[in-house]
Amino acid sequence: MDTNVHECNVRLLLKEEVFQIVGAAMEVLNEMGHGLSEKPYENGLIVEFGLRKMPFKQQPNYDVLCKGHRVGLFVPDILAFQ
């Protein structure tokens, strides 16, 4: 039996990376508890990624283009495994 396939016969992409990210997030939640605003959890996740030696970027900037013209900026909170 292939454990990388769900009932709908879809392969899980980047399975190991997803498990590492979710594991780190659960560790942060268990350590910090519930009820805080988003930013402390983001910063806690950065600490956990560092402790686990997981590659990441925090709040990188990306231009949003429309027909070659910059129309905005996209700033994701965290990119993991970049």
C-alpha atoms as a PDB file:
ATOM      1  CA  MET A   1       0.000   0.000   0.000  1.00  0.00           C
ATOM      2  CA  ASP A   2       1.368   3.426  -0.947  1.00  0.00           C
ATOM      3  CA  THR A   3       0.901   5.693   2.088  1.00  0.00           C
ATOM      4  CA  ASN A   4       1.553   8.769  -0.082  1.00  0.00           C
ATOM      5  CA  VAL A   5      -1.802   8.326  -1.834  1.00  0.00           C
ATOM      6  CA  HIS A   6      -5.172   9.355  -0.379  1.00  0.00           C
ATOM      7  CA  GLU A   7      -8.469   7.697  -1.221  1.00  0.00           C
ATOM      8  CA  CYS A   8      -8.938  10.144  -4.090  1.00  0.00           C
ATOM      9  CA  ASN A   9      -5.648   8.853  -5.566  1.00  0.00           C
ATOM     10  CA  VAL A  10      -3.720  12.131  -5.216  1.00  0.00           C
ATOM     11  CA  ARG A  11      -0.037  12.033  -4.314  1.00  0.00           C
ATOM     12  CA  LEU A  12       1.057  14.229  -1.432  1.00  0.00           C
ATOM     13  CA  LEU A  13       3.597  16.757  -2.662  1.00  0.00           C
ATOM     14  CA  LEU A  14       6.502  17.739  -0.402  1.00  0.00           C
ATOM     15  CA  LYS A  15       5.159  15.381   2.279  1.00  0.00           C
ATOM     16  CA  GLU A  16       8.274  15.478   4.483  1.00  0.00           C
ATOM     17  CA  GLU A  17       8.488  19.278   4.364  1.00  0.00           C
ATOM     18  CA  VAL A  18       4.803  19.616   5.240  1.00  0.00           C
ATOM     19  CA  PHE A  19       5.220  17.261   8.208  1.00  0.00           C
ATOM     20  CA  GLN A  20       8.232  19.284   9.423  1.00  0.00           C
ATOM     21  CA  ILE A  21       6.347  22.594   9.170  1.00  0.00           C
ATOM     22  CA  VAL A  22       3.229  21.268  10.899  1.00  0.00           C
ATOM     23  CA  GLY A  23       5.356  19.648  13.610  1.00  0.00           C
ATOM     24  CA  ALA A  24       7.152  22.925  14.244  1.00  0.00           C
ATOM     25  CA  ALA A  25       3.845  24.826  14.336  1.00  0.00           C
ATOM     26  CA  MET A  26       2.354  22.354  16.818  1.00  0.00           C
ATOM     27  CA  GLU A  27       5.439  22.678  19.028  1.00  0.00           C
ATOM     28  CA  VAL A  28       5.062  26.480  19.043  1.00  0.00           C
ATOM     29  CA  LEU A  29       1.352  26.238  19.853  1.00  0.00           C
ATOM     30  CA  ASN A  30       1.990  23.758  22.676  1.00  0.00           C
ATOM     31  CA  GLU A  31       4.751  25.970  24.076  1.00  0.00           C
ATOM     32  CA  MET A  32       2.952  29.322  23.817  1.00  0.00           C
ATOM     33  CA  GLY A  33      -0.664  28.269  24.261  1.00  0.00           C
ATOM     34  CA  HIS A  34      -3.804  29.686  22.668  1.00  0.00           C
ATOM     35  CA  GLY A  35      -5.180  33.203  22.443  1.00  0.00           C
ATOM     36  CA  LEU A  36      -2.287  35.389  21.314  1.00  0.00           C
ATOM     37  CA  SER A  37      -2.280  37.591  18.253  1.00  0.00           C
ATOM     38  CA  GLU A  38      -0.686  36.292  15.053  1.00  0.00           C
ATOM     39  CA  LYS A  39       2.736  37.990  15.303  1.00  0.00           C
ATOM     40  CA  PRO A  40       4.041  36.178  18.430  1.00  0.00           C
ATOM     41  CA  TYR A  41       3.214  32.833  16.793  1.00  0.00           C
ATOM     42  CA  GLU A  42       5.041  33.902  13.624  1.00  0.00           C
ATOM     43  CA  ASN A  43       8.090  34.880  15.658  1.00  0.00           C
ATOM     44  CA  GLY A  44       7.860  31.687  17.701  1.00  0.00           C
ATOM     45  CA  LEU A  45       7.769  29.680  14.489  1.00  0.00           C
ATOM     46  CA  ILE A  46      10.918  31.473  13.298  1.00  0.00           C
ATOM     47  CA  VAL A  47      12.644  30.467  16.538  1.00  0.00           C
ATOM     48  CA  GLU A  48      11.476  26.860  16.114  1.00  0.00           C
ATOM     49  CA  PHE A  49      12.583  26.737  12.470  1.00  0.00           C
ATOM     50  CA  GLY A  50      16.013  27.974  13.556  1.00  0.00           C
ATOM     51  CA  LEU A  51      16.279  25.370  16.317  1.00  0.00           C
ATOM     52  CA  ARG A  52      15.331  22.651  13.829  1.00  0.00           C
ATOM     53  CA  LYS A  53      17.727  24.085  11.220  1.00  0.00           C
ATOM     54  CA  MET A  54      14.886  24.442   8.713  1.00  0.00           C
ATOM     55  CA  PRO A  55      15.566  26.991   5.950  1.00  0.00           C
ATOM     56  CA  PHE A  56      13.180  29.954   5.881  1.00  0.00           C
ATOM     57  CA  LYS A  57      12.719  33.591   4.963  1.00  0.00           C
ATOM     58  CA  GLN A  58      10.649  35.928   7.134  1.00  0.00           C
ATOM     59  CA  GLN A  59       8.603  38.576   5.333  1.00  0.00           C
ATOM     60  CA  PRO A  60      10.421  38.665   1.979  1.00  0.00           C
ATOM     61  CA  ASN A  61       9.215  41.352  -0.454  1.00  0.00           C
ATOM     62  CA  TYR A  62       7.955  40.552  -3.943  1.00  0.00           C
ATOM     63  CA  ASP A  63       6.801  43.074  -6.508  1.00  0.00           C
ATOM     64  CA  VAL A  64       3.319  42.559  -7.948  1.00  0.00           C
ATOM     65  CA  LEU A  65       3.337  43.345 -11.657  1.00  0.00           C
ATOM     66  CA  CYS A  66       0.605  44.070 -14.169  1.00  0.00           C
ATOM     67  CA  LYS A  67       1.745  44.253 -17.787  1.00  0.00           C
ATOM     68  CA  GLY A  68       5.255  45.056 -16.665  1.00  0.00           C
ATOM     69  CA  HIS A  69       4.246  47.792 -14.217  1.00  0.00           C
ATOM     70  CA  ARG A  70       4.692  47.501 -10.471  1.00  0.00           C
ATOM     71  CA  VAL A  71       1.231  47.768  -8.948  1.00  0.00           C
ATOM     72  CA  GLY A  72       1.901  46.580  -5.432  1.00  0.00           C
ATOM     73  CA  LEU A  73       3.972  44.557  -3.046  1.00  0.00           C
ATOM     74  CA  PHE A  74       3.390  41.015  -1.771  1.00  0.00           C
ATOM     75  CA  VAL A  75       4.901  40.254   1.653  1.00  0.00           C
ATOM     76  CA  PRO A  76       4.227  36.718   2.895  1.00  0.00           C
ATOM     77  CA  ASP A  77       4.838  36.134   6.618  1.00  0.00           C
ATOM     78  CA  ILE A  78       7.155  33.136   6.194  1.00  0.00           C
ATOM     79  CA  LEU A  79       8.527  31.068   3.315  1.00  0.00           C
ATOM     80  CA  ALA A  80       9.906  27.716   4.402  1.00  0.00           C
ATOM     81  CA  PHE A  81      12.361  25.536   2.481  1.00  0.00           C
ATOM     82  CA  GLN A  82      13.331  28.311   0.072  1.00  0.00           C
END
